[in-house]
Amino acid sequence: MRGEQLEQLCTMNAGQWKQNLAPTIEEEMENHQQRDDISKLKEKIESACYQVTKREISKRPRLQNLQSMFKMKEIVKAANEAIAEILKDDDLNLTAINHLINAAATVIREEVNGTGCYQSENCTN
């Protein structure tokens, strides 16, 4: 009887694990939204990187320190994934990596502050 109970328990647990492994519609929508957010951040970082490369490194404005908050942590996480995608596509030298990091920091700052535009653009915020 004990072997049958163990087998039944394992079968039940396997069924529950399969249910838990299958993403729900809400999880799929959230994953899709996260991929969209990463894609948008990637585009913003690439655009900001282009703007950053027009300036000498010594003439860039100093980036302010940001207060740690949940919103920033989520944006940084997405930005890190966007940077990973950018680095996957290109072989960058140290100067280009410096530009990329500065551009990402600029985008993160703008996202956290909610302005969504960069100093090179005409922002009225």
C-alpha atoms as a PDB file:
ATOM      1  CA  MET A   1       0.000   0.000   0.000  1.00  0.00           C
ATOM      2  CA  ARG A   2       2.853   2.380   0.798  1.00  0.00           C
ATOM      3  CA  GLY A   3       4.374   2.081  -2.718  1.00  0.00           C
ATOM      4  CA  GLU A   4       0.989   2.829  -4.310  1.00  0.00           C
ATOM      5  CA  GLN A   5       0.531   5.892  -2.114  1.00  0.00           C
ATOM      6  CA  LEU A   6       4.004   7.168  -2.993  1.00  0.00           C
ATOM      7  CA  GLU A   7       3.357   6.624  -6.706  1.00  0.00           C
ATOM      8  CA  GLN A   8       0.010   8.411  -6.443  1.00  0.00           C
ATOM      9  CA  LEU A   9       1.613  11.288  -4.559  1.00  0.00           C
ATOM     10  CA  CYS A  10       4.391  11.599  -7.179  1.00  0.00           C
ATOM     11  CA  THR A  11       1.815  11.545  -9.994  1.00  0.00           C
ATOM     12  CA  MET A  12      -0.232  14.257  -8.287  1.00  0.00           C
ATOM     13  CA  ASN A  13       2.868  16.391  -7.687  1.00  0.00           C
ATOM     14  CA  ALA A  14       4.007  15.939 -11.292  1.00  0.00           C
ATOM     15  CA  GLY A  15       0.614  17.153 -12.505  1.00  0.00           C
ATOM     16  CA  GLN A  16       0.766  20.154 -10.198  1.00  0.00           C
ATOM     17  CA  TRP A  17       4.304  20.969 -11.353  1.00  0.00           C
ATOM     18  CA  LYS A  18       3.182  20.866 -14.985  1.00  0.00           C
ATOM     19  CA  GLN A  19       0.349  23.264 -14.141  1.00  0.00           C
ATOM     20  CA  ASN A  20       2.770  25.558 -12.322  1.00  0.00           C
ATOM     21  CA  LEU A  21       5.247  25.465 -15.217  1.00  0.00           C
ATOM     22  CA  ALA A  22       2.692  26.526 -17.811  1.00  0.00           C
ATOM     23  CA  PRO A  23       2.562  30.347 -17.839  1.00  0.00           C
ATOM     24  CA  THR A  24      -0.795  31.938 -17.280  1.00  0.00           C
ATOM     25  CA  ILE A  25      -2.264  34.522 -19.634  1.00  0.00           C
ATOM     26  CA  GLU A  26      -1.357  37.224 -17.112  1.00  0.00           C
ATOM     27  CA  GLU A  27       2.248  35.980 -16.960  1.00  0.00           C
ATOM     28  CA  GLU A  28       2.429  35.887 -20.768  1.00  0.00           C
ATOM     29  CA  MET A  29       1.113  39.451 -20.949  1.00  0.00           C
ATOM     30  CA  GLU A  30       3.606  40.564 -18.294  1.00  0.00           C
ATOM     31  CA  ASN A  31       6.467  38.845 -20.161  1.00  0.00           C
ATOM     32  CA  HIS A  32       5.384  40.509 -23.395  1.00  0.00           C
ATOM     33  CA  GLN A  33       5.251  43.896 -21.646  1.00  0.00           C
ATOM     34  CA  GLN A  34       8.725  43.349 -20.191  1.00  0.00           C
ATOM     35  CA  ARG A  35      10.113  42.468 -23.638  1.00  0.00           C
ATOM     36  CA  ASP A  36       8.481  45.621 -25.043  1.00  0.00           C
ATOM     37  CA  ASP A  37       9.971  47.723 -22.234  1.00  0.00           C
ATOM     38  CA  ILE A  38      13.428  46.256 -22.871  1.00  0.00           C
ATOM     39  CA  SER A  39      13.095  46.872 -26.597  1.00  0.00           C
ATOM     40  CA  LYS A  40      12.046  50.495 -26.016  1.00  0.00           C
ATOM     41  CA  LEU A  41      14.914  51.043 -23.585  1.00  0.00           C
ATOM     42  CA  LYS A  42      17.328  49.524 -26.089  1.00  0.00           C
ATOM     43  CA  GLU A  43      16.175  52.001 -28.732  1.00  0.00           C
ATOM     44  CA  LYS A  44      16.439  54.900 -26.280  1.00  0.00           C
ATOM     45  CA  ILE A  45      19.926  53.827 -25.174  1.00  0.00           C
ATOM     46  CA  GLU A  46      21.092  53.489 -28.774  1.00  0.00           C
ATOM     47  CA  SER A  47      19.697  56.944 -29.573  1.00  0.00           C
ATOM     48  CA  ALA A  48      21.266  58.483 -26.467  1.00  0.00           C
ATOM     49  CA  CYS A  49      24.533  56.724 -27.282  1.00  0.00           C
ATOM     50  CA  TYR A  50      24.580  58.448 -30.656  1.00  0.00           C
ATOM     51  CA  GLN A  51      24.086  61.804 -28.904  1.00  0.00           C
ATOM     52  CA  VAL A  52      26.747  61.010 -26.289  1.00  0.00           C
ATOM     53  CA  THR A  53      29.355  60.171 -28.936  1.00  0.00           C
ATOM     54  CA  LYS A  54      29.057  63.724 -30.306  1.00  0.00           C
ATOM     55  CA  ARG A  55      30.504  65.131 -27.069  1.00  0.00           C
ATOM     56  CA  GLU A  56      33.969  64.792 -25.663  1.00  0.00           C
ATOM     57  CA  ILE A  57      33.968  62.636 -22.554  1.00  0.00           C
ATOM     58  CA  SER A  58      35.364  65.506 -20.442  1.00  0.00           C
ATOM     59  CA  LYS A  59      32.559  67.838 -21.594  1.00  0.00           C
ATOM     60  CA  ARG A  60      29.621  65.629 -20.707  1.00  0.00           C
ATOM     61  CA  PRO A  61      27.305  66.914 -18.002  1.00  0.00           C
ATOM     62  CA  ARG A  62      27.692  65.144 -14.702  1.00  0.00           C
ATOM     63  CA  LEU A  63      24.891  62.688 -14.006  1.00  0.00           C
ATOM     64  CA  GLN A  64      23.084  63.132 -10.713  1.00  0.00           C
ATOM     65  CA  ASN A  65      22.865  60.384  -8.128  1.00  0.00           C
ATOM     66  CA  LEU A  66      19.452  58.767  -7.986  1.00  0.00           C
ATOM     67  CA  GLN A  67      17.631  57.643  -4.881  1.00  0.00           C
ATOM     68  CA  SER A  68      17.166  53.905  -4.755  1.00  0.00           C
ATOM     69  CA  MET A  69      13.516  53.035  -5.277  1.00  0.00           C
ATOM     70  CA  PHE A  70      11.541  50.156  -6.723  1.00  0.00           C
ATOM     71  CA  LYS A  71      10.878  51.999  -9.986  1.00  0.00           C
ATOM     72  CA  MET A  72      14.592  52.588 -10.498  1.00  0.00           C
ATOM     73  CA  LYS A  73      15.465  48.963  -9.762  1.00  0.00           C
ATOM     74  CA  GLU A  74      13.016  47.786 -12.411  1.00  0.00           C
ATOM     75  CA  ILE A  75      14.324  50.284 -14.957  1.00  0.00           C
ATOM     76  CA  VAL A  76      17.951  49.339 -14.221  1.00  0.00           C
ATOM     77  CA  LYS A  77      17.110  45.659 -14.603  1.00  0.00           C
ATOM     78  CA  ALA A  78      15.476  46.308 -17.986  1.00  0.00           C
ATOM     79  CA  ALA A  79      18.350  48.596 -19.033  1.00  0.00           C
ATOM     80  CA  ASN A  80      20.883  45.893 -18.158  1.00  0.00           C
ATOM     81  CA  GLU A  81      19.022  43.457 -20.398  1.00  0.00           C
ATOM     82  CA  ALA A  82      18.902  46.061 -23.173  1.00  0.00           C
ATOM     83  CA  ILE A  83      22.652  46.665 -22.812  1.00  0.00           C
ATOM     84  CA  ALA A  84      23.270  42.921 -22.996  1.00  0.00           C
ATOM     85  CA  GLU A  85      21.360  42.833 -26.295  1.00  0.00           C
ATOM     86  CA  ILE A  86      23.380  45.759 -27.639  1.00  0.00           C
ATOM     87  CA  LEU A  87      26.667  44.157 -26.596  1.00  0.00           C
ATOM     88  CA  LYS A  88      25.595  40.875 -28.169  1.00  0.00           C
ATOM     89  CA  ASP A  89      25.209  42.614 -31.533  1.00  0.00           C
ATOM     90  CA  ASP A  90      28.465  44.598 -31.538  1.00  0.00           C
ATOM     91  CA  ASP A  91      32.150  44.307 -30.747  1.00  0.00           C
ATOM     92  CA  LEU A  92      32.804  47.495 -28.818  1.00  0.00           C
ATOM     93  CA  ASN A  93      36.081  49.042 -27.740  1.00  0.00           C
ATOM     94  CA  LEU A  94      36.488  50.699 -24.334  1.00  0.00           C
ATOM     95  CA  THR A  95      35.537  54.152 -25.580  1.00  0.00           C
ATOM     96  CA  ALA A  96      32.337  52.803 -27.144  1.00  0.00           C
ATOM     97  CA  ILE A  97      31.537  50.925 -23.914  1.00  0.00           C
ATOM     98  CA  ASN A  98      32.077  54.174 -21.973  1.00  0.00           C
ATOM     99  CA  HIS A  99      29.639  55.933 -24.321  1.00  0.00           C
ATOM    100  CA  LEU A 100      27.151  53.089 -23.909  1.00  0.00           C
ATOM    101  CA  ILE A 101      27.326  53.204 -20.107  1.00  0.00           C
ATOM    102  CA  ASN A 102      26.889  56.979 -20.071  1.00  0.00           C
ATOM    103  CA  ALA A 103      23.975  56.732 -22.493  1.00  0.00           C
ATOM    104  CA  ALA A 104      22.326  54.020 -20.383  1.00  0.00           C
ATOM    105  CA  ALA A 105      22.775  56.100 -17.224  1.00  0.00           C
ATOM    106  CA  THR A 106      21.230  59.092 -19.006  1.00  0.00           C
ATOM    107  CA  VAL A 107      18.246  57.021 -20.142  1.00  0.00           C
ATOM    108  CA  ILE A 108      17.787  55.538 -16.673  1.00  0.00           C
ATOM    109  CA  ARG A 109      17.852  59.027 -15.138  1.00  0.00           C
ATOM    110  CA  GLU A 110      15.286  60.298 -17.624  1.00  0.00           C
ATOM    111  CA  GLU A 111      13.063  57.241 -17.114  1.00  0.00           C
ATOM    112  CA  VAL A 112      13.188  57.566 -13.326  1.00  0.00           C
ATOM    113  CA  ASN A 113      12.493  61.301 -13.486  1.00  0.00           C
ATOM    114  CA  GLY A 114       9.691  60.655 -15.952  1.00  0.00           C
ATOM    115  CA  THR A 115      10.801  63.186 -18.539  1.00  0.00           C
ATOM    116  CA  GLY A 116      11.625  60.626 -21.230  1.00  0.00           C
ATOM    117  CA  CYS A 117      13.740  63.078 -23.235  1.00  0.00           C
ATOM    118  CA  TYR A 118      17.418  63.898 -23.371  1.00  0.00           C
ATOM    119  CA  GLN A 119      19.424  67.091 -23.107  1.00  0.00           C
ATOM    120  CA  SER A 120      20.170  67.016 -26.828  1.00  0.00           C
ATOM    121  CA  GLU A 121      16.439  67.158 -27.541  1.00  0.00           C
ATOM    122  CA  ASN A 122      14.215  70.172 -27.028  1.00  0.00           C
ATOM    123  CA  CYS A 123      12.445  69.187 -23.816  1.00  0.00           C
ATOM    124  CA  THR A 124       9.926  71.428 -22.157  1.00  0.00           C
ATOM    125  CA  ASN A 125       9.601  69.252 -19.037  1.00  0.00           C
END
